[in-house]
Amino acid sequence: MMEDINYDPKVAELLNTRVGKYLTEHPFLALVVLVFGLTASVPIGLFLAFAAVTFIAVTVCFIFVEIFLLMIGGTTLLCVLFCLAVVSFWVSCVLSALYIVISHVLNFCFIHRTPENNISTGDMETKKTEW
């Protein structure tokens, strides 16, 4: 699946930009941006719907109501986005820590051990005569 994504021309074009190269070199920051983008889409959509409803109210001559409500909505959106940025950072920290811990635990549990050399009885006889 990752190969399909990497060979997509749009993804390749994005990764060749300065931002794409920077995020490729800093995967933790890319994870923060991804988590923030996913969590911020709902409040932004709600704010746009809110703005559309208040814009319709303007057509009915409620211009003062619109300015007041948009200021309240904009301030609320800024507060929500700031909180989401903080939560995204901490979720990314937890996910990164879990990845590191789980990968170390799995590496520790599944160490590939080399099989012990089996010594045949013929080899034992030659070793006894050498001593």
N, C-alpha and C. Protein backbone atom coordinates (compact mmCIF):
# COMPACT_ATOMS: atom_id res chain seq x y z
N MET A 1 0.83 -1.19 0.00
CA MET A 1 0.00 0.00 0.00
C MET A 1 0.88 1.26 0.00
N MET A 2 1.97 1.24 0.79
CA MET A 2 2.85 2.40 0.84
C MET A 2 3.52 2.64 -0.51
N GLU A 3 3.81 1.54 -1.25
CA GLU A 3 4.42 1.70 -2.56
C GLU A 3 3.45 2.39 -3.52
N ASP A 4 2.16 2.04 -3.43
CA ASP A 4 1.16 2.67 -4.28
C ASP A 4 1.08 4.17 -3.98
N ILE A 5 1.16 4.52 -2.71
CA ILE A 5 1.09 5.94 -2.33
C ILE A 5 2.34 6.67 -2.81
N ASN A 6 3.51 6.06 -2.65
CA ASN A 6 4.75 6.72 -3.05
C ASN A 6 4.85 6.91 -4.56
N TYR A 7 4.24 6.03 -5.36
CA TYR A 7 4.31 6.15 -6.81
C TYR A 7 3.21 7.02 -7.39
N ASP A 8 2.31 7.51 -6.56
CA ASP A 8 1.26 8.41 -7.03
C ASP A 8 1.92 9.74 -7.41
N PRO A 9 1.65 10.26 -8.63
CA PRO A 9 2.33 11.48 -9.06
C PRO A 9 2.02 12.70 -8.19
N LYS A 10 0.82 12.75 -7.64
CA LYS A 10 0.47 13.88 -6.78
C LYS A 10 1.27 13.83 -5.48
N VAL A 11 1.44 12.63 -4.93
CA VAL A 11 2.22 12.48 -3.70
C VAL A 11 3.69 12.79 -3.98
N ALA A 12 4.20 12.31 -5.11
CA ALA A 12 5.59 12.59 -5.46
C ALA A 12 5.81 14.08 -5.65
N GLU A 13 4.84 14.76 -6.25
CA GLU A 13 4.95 16.20 -6.43
C GLU A 13 4.95 16.92 -5.08
N LEU A 14 4.10 16.47 -4.15
CA LEU A 14 4.05 17.05 -2.82
C LEU A 14 5.36 16.80 -2.07
N LEU A 15 5.91 15.60 -2.18
CA LEU A 15 7.14 15.27 -1.46
C LEU A 15 8.35 16.00 -2.03
N ASN A 16 8.28 16.47 -3.25
CA ASN A 16 9.40 17.20 -3.85
C ASN A 16 9.40 18.69 -3.49
N THR A 17 8.37 19.17 -2.82
CA THR A 17 8.35 20.56 -2.39
C THR A 17 9.22 20.72 -1.15
N ARG A 18 9.48 21.97 -0.77
CA ARG A 18 10.31 22.21 0.41
C ARG A 18 9.63 21.69 1.67
N VAL A 19 8.32 21.90 1.75
CA VAL A 19 7.58 21.44 2.92
C VAL A 19 7.58 19.91 2.97
N GLY A 20 7.38 19.26 1.83
CA GLY A 20 7.38 17.80 1.78
C GLY A 20 8.72 17.22 2.19
N LYS A 21 9.80 17.82 1.72
CA LYS A 21 11.13 17.34 2.11
C LYS A 21 11.38 17.55 3.60
N TYR A 22 10.93 18.70 4.11
CA TYR A 22 11.11 18.98 5.53
C TYR A 22 10.33 17.98 6.38
N LEU A 23 9.07 17.71 6.00
CA LEU A 23 8.25 16.77 6.77
C LEU A 23 8.77 15.34 6.64
N THR A 24 9.39 15.01 5.50
CA THR A 24 9.98 13.69 5.34
C THR A 24 11.17 13.53 6.29
N GLU A 25 11.91 14.59 6.49
CA GLU A 25 13.06 14.54 7.40
C GLU A 25 12.64 14.61 8.86
N HIS A 26 11.45 15.10 9.16
CA HIS A 26 10.96 15.24 10.54
C HIS A 26 9.62 14.52 10.67
N PRO A 27 9.63 13.19 10.84
CA PRO A 27 8.37 12.43 10.87
C PRO A 27 7.48 12.77 12.07
N PHE A 28 8.08 13.17 13.21
CA PHE A 28 7.26 13.51 14.37
C PHE A 28 6.42 14.74 14.07
N LEU A 29 7.02 15.73 13.44
CA LEU A 29 6.29 16.94 13.07
C LEU A 29 5.21 16.62 12.04
N ALA A 30 5.52 15.70 11.11
CA ALA A 30 4.52 15.28 10.13
C ALA A 30 3.33 14.62 10.82
N LEU A 31 3.61 13.82 11.86
CA LEU A 31 2.52 13.18 12.60
C LEU A 31 1.69 14.22 13.33
N VAL A 32 2.33 15.25 13.91
CA VAL A 32 1.60 16.33 14.60
C VAL A 32 0.70 17.05 13.61
N VAL A 33 1.23 17.36 12.43
CA VAL A 33 0.44 18.06 11.40
C VAL A 33 -0.73 17.20 10.95
N LEU A 34 -0.49 15.90 10.77
CA LEU A 34 -1.56 15.00 10.35
C LEU A 34 -2.66 14.91 11.40
N VAL A 35 -2.29 14.70 12.65
CA VAL A 35 -3.29 14.59 13.73
C VAL A 35 -4.04 15.91 13.87
N PHE A 36 -3.31 17.03 13.80
CA PHE A 36 -3.98 18.33 13.90
C PHE A 36 -4.94 18.55 12.73
N GLY A 37 -4.52 18.21 11.53
CA GLY A 37 -5.39 18.38 10.37
C GLY A 37 -6.66 17.56 10.45
N LEU A 38 -6.51 16.31 10.94
CA LEU A 38 -7.69 15.46 11.07
C LEU A 38 -8.65 15.97 12.14
N THR A 39 -8.09 16.41 13.27
CA THR A 39 -8.97 16.86 14.35
C THR A 39 -9.53 18.26 14.10
N ALA A 40 -8.84 19.08 13.31
CA ALA A 40 -9.30 20.45 13.07
C ALA A 40 -10.36 20.52 11.98
N SER A 41 -10.55 19.48 11.21
CA SER A 41 -11.50 19.56 10.10
C SER A 41 -12.95 19.71 10.58
N VAL A 42 -13.30 19.07 11.69
CA VAL A 42 -14.69 19.17 12.19
C VAL A 42 -14.99 20.58 12.68
N PRO A 43 -14.17 21.18 13.55
CA PRO A 43 -14.51 22.55 13.98
C PRO A 43 -14.50 23.56 12.84
N ILE A 44 -13.61 23.39 11.88
CA ILE A 44 -13.60 24.32 10.75
C ILE A 44 -14.86 24.16 9.92
N GLY A 45 -15.29 22.93 9.71
CA GLY A 45 -16.55 22.70 8.99
C GLY A 45 -17.74 23.29 9.72
N LEU A 46 -17.76 23.10 11.04
CA LEU A 46 -18.85 23.70 11.82
C LEU A 46 -18.81 25.22 11.77
N PHE A 47 -17.61 25.79 11.81
CA PHE A 47 -17.49 27.24 11.73
C PHE A 47 -17.96 27.75 10.37
N LEU A 48 -17.60 27.04 9.29
CA LEU A 48 -18.06 27.47 7.97
C LEU A 48 -19.58 27.39 7.85
N ALA A 49 -20.17 26.34 8.43
CA ALA A 49 -21.63 26.25 8.44
C ALA A 49 -22.23 27.38 9.26
N PHE A 50 -21.59 27.66 10.38
CA PHE A 50 -22.04 28.78 11.22
C PHE A 50 -21.95 30.10 10.46
N ALA A 51 -20.85 30.30 9.73
CA ALA A 51 -20.66 31.52 8.96
C ALA A 51 -21.71 31.62 7.85
N ALA A 52 -22.05 30.49 7.23
CA ALA A 52 -23.06 30.50 6.17
C ALA A 52 -24.43 30.88 6.73
N VAL A 53 -24.76 30.33 7.90
CA VAL A 53 -26.05 30.65 8.52
C VAL A 53 -26.11 32.13 8.89
N THR A 54 -25.02 32.64 9.45
CA THR A 54 -25.04 34.06 9.81
C THR A 54 -25.03 34.96 8.58
N PHE A 55 -24.43 34.47 7.50
CA PHE A 55 -24.45 35.25 6.25
C PHE A 55 -25.87 35.33 5.70
N ILE A 56 -26.63 34.27 5.84
CA ILE A 56 -28.04 34.30 5.43
C ILE A 56 -28.82 35.27 6.31
N ALA A 57 -28.44 35.33 7.59
CA ALA A 57 -29.11 36.27 8.49
C ALA A 57 -28.84 37.71 8.08
N VAL A 58 -27.68 37.95 7.47
CA VAL A 58 -27.36 39.30 6.99
C VAL A 58 -28.34 39.72 5.90
N THR A 59 -28.69 38.79 5.05
CA THR A 59 -29.63 39.13 3.98
C THR A 59 -30.98 39.54 4.54
N VAL A 60 -31.23 39.20 5.77
CA VAL A 60 -32.49 39.60 6.40
C VAL A 60 -32.25 40.81 7.31
N CYS A 61 -31.17 41.54 7.06
CA CYS A 61 -30.85 42.81 7.72
C CYS A 61 -30.42 42.66 9.18
N PHE A 62 -29.72 41.61 9.50
CA PHE A 62 -29.18 41.45 10.85
C PHE A 62 -27.66 41.64 10.84
N ILE A 63 -27.21 42.76 10.31
CA ILE A 63 -25.78 42.96 10.15
C ILE A 63 -25.06 43.06 11.49
N PHE A 64 -25.65 43.68 12.46
CA PHE A 64 -25.00 43.78 13.77
C PHE A 64 -24.93 42.43 14.46
N VAL A 65 -25.95 41.65 14.28
CA VAL A 65 -25.96 40.31 14.86
C VAL A 65 -24.85 39.47 14.22
N GLU A 66 -24.70 39.63 12.91
CA GLU A 66 -23.67 38.84 12.21
C GLU A 66 -22.27 39.20 12.70
N ILE A 67 -21.97 40.48 12.82
CA ILE A 67 -20.64 40.88 13.27
C ILE A 67 -20.38 40.36 14.67
N PHE A 68 -21.35 40.50 15.54
CA PHE A 68 -21.19 40.03 16.92
C PHE A 68 -21.00 38.51 16.97
N LEU A 69 -21.86 37.79 16.25
CA LEU A 69 -21.76 36.33 16.27
C LEU A 69 -20.49 35.81 15.60
N LEU A 70 -20.06 36.46 14.52
CA LEU A 70 -18.82 36.04 13.87
C LEU A 70 -17.61 36.31 14.76
N MET A 71 -17.62 37.40 15.52
CA MET A 71 -16.52 37.63 16.44
C MET A 71 -16.49 36.57 17.54
N ILE A 72 -17.65 36.24 18.06
CA ILE A 72 -17.71 35.19 19.08
C ILE A 72 -17.30 33.84 18.47
N GLY A 73 -17.83 33.55 17.28
CA GLY A 73 -17.48 32.29 16.62
C GLY A 73 -16.00 32.22 16.27
N GLY A 74 -15.43 33.31 15.77
CA GLY A 74 -14.01 33.33 15.43
C GLY A 74 -13.13 33.14 16.65
N THR A 75 -13.48 33.81 17.74
CA THR A 75 -12.73 33.64 18.99
C THR A 75 -12.84 32.21 19.50
N THR A 76 -14.02 31.66 19.43
CA THR A 76 -14.21 30.27 19.85
C THR A 76 -13.41 29.32 18.96
N LEU A 77 -13.42 29.58 17.66
CA LEU A 77 -12.65 28.73 16.75
C LEU A 77 -11.16 28.81 17.07
N LEU A 78 -10.64 30.00 17.33
CA LEU A 78 -9.23 30.12 17.68
C LEU A 78 -8.90 29.34 18.96
N CYS A 79 -9.78 29.42 19.94
CA CYS A 79 -9.56 28.67 21.19
C CYS A 79 -9.59 27.17 20.94
N VAL A 80 -10.56 26.72 20.17
CA VAL A 80 -10.67 25.29 19.88
C VAL A 80 -9.46 24.80 19.09
N LEU A 81 -9.02 25.56 18.08
CA LEU A 81 -7.86 25.15 17.29
C LEU A 81 -6.60 25.14 18.12
N PHE A 82 -6.44 26.08 19.04
CA PHE A 82 -5.27 26.06 19.92
C PHE A 82 -5.29 24.81 20.80
N CYS A 83 -6.45 24.50 21.37
CA CYS A 83 -6.56 23.30 22.19
C CYS A 83 -6.30 22.04 21.37
N LEU A 84 -6.80 22.00 20.14
CA LEU A 84 -6.54 20.85 19.27
C LEU A 84 -5.07 20.72 18.92
N ALA A 85 -4.38 21.84 18.75
CA ALA A 85 -2.94 21.78 18.46
C ALA A 85 -2.19 21.19 19.65
N VAL A 86 -2.57 21.58 20.86
CA VAL A 86 -1.94 21.03 22.06
C VAL A 86 -2.25 19.54 22.18
N VAL A 87 -3.51 19.17 21.97
CA VAL A 87 -3.89 17.75 22.05
C VAL A 87 -3.19 16.95 20.96
N SER A 88 -3.08 17.49 19.76
CA SER A 88 -2.39 16.80 18.67
C SER A 88 -0.93 16.56 19.02
N PHE A 89 -0.30 17.55 19.62
CA PHE A 89 1.10 17.39 20.03
C PHE A 89 1.23 16.26 21.04
N TRP A 90 0.37 16.24 22.03
CA TRP A 90 0.48 15.20 23.08
C TRP A 90 0.10 13.83 22.55
N VAL A 91 -0.89 13.76 21.67
CA VAL A 91 -1.24 12.46 21.06
C VAL A 91 -0.08 11.96 20.23
N SER A 92 0.58 12.85 19.50
CA SER A 92 1.74 12.45 18.71
C SER A 92 2.88 11.99 19.61
N CYS A 93 3.06 12.65 20.75
CA CYS A 93 4.09 12.21 21.71
C CYS A 93 3.79 10.81 22.21
N VAL A 94 2.54 10.57 22.58
CA VAL A 94 2.15 9.25 23.08
C VAL A 94 2.31 8.19 22.00
N LEU A 95 1.86 8.48 20.78
CA LEU A 95 1.99 7.52 19.69
C LEU A 95 3.45 7.22 19.37
N SER A 96 4.29 8.24 19.39
CA SER A 96 5.71 8.02 19.13
C SER A 96 6.35 7.20 20.25
N ALA A 97 6.00 7.51 21.50
CA ALA A 97 6.54 6.75 22.62
C ALA A 97 6.08 5.29 22.56
N LEU A 98 4.80 5.08 22.22
CA LEU A 98 4.31 3.71 22.10
C LEU A 98 5.02 2.96 20.98
N TYR A 99 5.26 3.64 19.86
CA TYR A 99 5.97 3.00 18.76
C TYR A 99 7.37 2.59 19.19
N ILE A 100 8.07 3.48 19.87
CA ILE A 100 9.44 3.18 20.30
C ILE A 100 9.44 2.03 21.30
N VAL A 101 8.54 2.08 22.30
CA VAL A 101 8.49 1.04 23.32
C VAL A 101 8.12 -0.30 22.71
N ILE A 102 7.10 -0.31 21.86
CA ILE A 102 6.64 -1.58 21.27
C ILE A 102 7.70 -2.16 20.35
N SER A 103 8.38 -1.30 19.58
CA SER A 103 9.41 -1.84 18.69
C SER A 103 10.58 -2.40 19.48
N HIS A 104 10.93 -1.76 20.60
CA HIS A 104 12.02 -2.30 21.43
C HIS A 104 11.61 -3.60 22.11
N VAL A 105 10.37 -3.65 22.57
CA VAL A 105 9.89 -4.88 23.21
C VAL A 105 9.86 -6.02 22.20
N LEU A 106 9.36 -5.75 21.00
CA LEU A 106 9.32 -6.80 19.98
C LEU A 106 10.72 -7.22 19.57
N ASN A 107 11.63 -6.28 19.45
CA ASN A 107 13.01 -6.64 19.12
C ASN A 107 13.64 -7.46 20.24
N PHE A 108 13.31 -7.15 21.47
CA PHE A 108 13.87 -7.90 22.60
C PHE A 108 13.27 -9.31 22.67
N CYS A 109 11.98 -9.43 22.39
CA CYS A 109 11.32 -10.73 22.50
C CYS A 109 11.65 -11.65 21.34
N PHE A 110 11.84 -11.10 20.18
CA PHE A 110 12.04 -11.93 19.00
C PHE A 110 13.46 -11.79 18.43
N ILE A 111 14.44 -11.87 19.33
CA ILE A 111 15.83 -11.81 18.87
C ILE A 111 16.10 -13.10 18.09
N HIS A 112 16.65 -12.94 16.90
CA HIS A 112 16.96 -14.11 16.09
C HIS A 112 18.24 -14.74 16.61
N ARG A 113 18.11 -15.87 17.24
CA ARG A 113 19.27 -16.54 17.81
C ARG A 113 19.84 -17.51 16.79
N THR A 114 21.14 -17.57 16.75
CA THR A 114 21.79 -18.52 15.85
C THR A 114 21.71 -19.90 16.47
N PRO A 115 21.43 -20.92 15.67
CA PRO A 115 21.32 -22.26 16.26
C PRO A 115 22.69 -22.72 16.77
N GLU A 116 22.64 -23.44 17.87
CA GLU A 116 23.88 -23.96 18.45
C GLU A 116 24.46 -25.01 17.52
N ASN A 117 25.78 -25.05 17.45
CA ASN A 117 26.45 -26.02 16.59
C ASN A 117 26.35 -27.40 17.23
N ASN A 118 25.82 -28.33 16.50
CA ASN A 118 25.72 -29.70 16.98
C ASN A 118 27.05 -30.41 16.70
N ILE A 119 27.60 -31.01 17.74
CA ILE A 119 28.86 -31.71 17.60
C ILE A 119 28.55 -33.19 17.50
N SER A 120 29.02 -33.78 16.43
CA SER A 120 28.74 -35.20 16.24
C SER A 120 29.69 -36.01 17.13
N THR A 121 29.38 -37.31 17.30
CA THR A 121 30.21 -38.16 18.15
C THR A 121 31.59 -38.35 17.56
N GLY A 122 31.71 -38.30 16.24
CA GLY A 122 33.02 -38.42 15.60
C GLY A 122 33.90 -37.22 15.93
N ASP A 123 33.30 -36.06 15.96
CA ASP A 123 34.05 -34.86 16.32
C ASP A 123 34.45 -34.88 17.79
N MET A 124 33.59 -35.44 18.65
CA MET A 124 33.92 -35.55 20.07
C MET A 124 35.14 -36.44 20.26
N GLU A 125 35.23 -37.54 19.49
CA GLU A 125 36.37 -38.45 19.62
C GLU A 125 37.66 -37.77 19.21
N THR A 126 37.60 -36.98 18.14
CA THR A 126 38.83 -36.29 17.69
C THR A 126 39.24 -35.21 18.69
N LYS A 127 38.26 -34.56 19.35
CA LYS A 127 38.60 -33.54 20.35
C LYS A 127 39.20 -34.20 21.59
N LYS A 128 38.72 -35.40 21.98
CA LYS A 128 39.26 -36.08 23.15
C LYS A 128 40.71 -36.51 22.90
N THR A 129 41.02 -36.95 21.69
CA THR A 129 42.37 -37.40 21.40
C THR A 129 43.31 -36.22 21.32
N GLU A 130 42.81 -35.03 20.97
CA GLU A 130 43.66 -33.84 20.89
C GLU A 130 44.09 -33.38 22.27
N TRP A 131 43.27 -33.61 23.30
CA TRP A 131 43.59 -33.14 24.65
C TRP A 131 44.58 -34.08 25.21
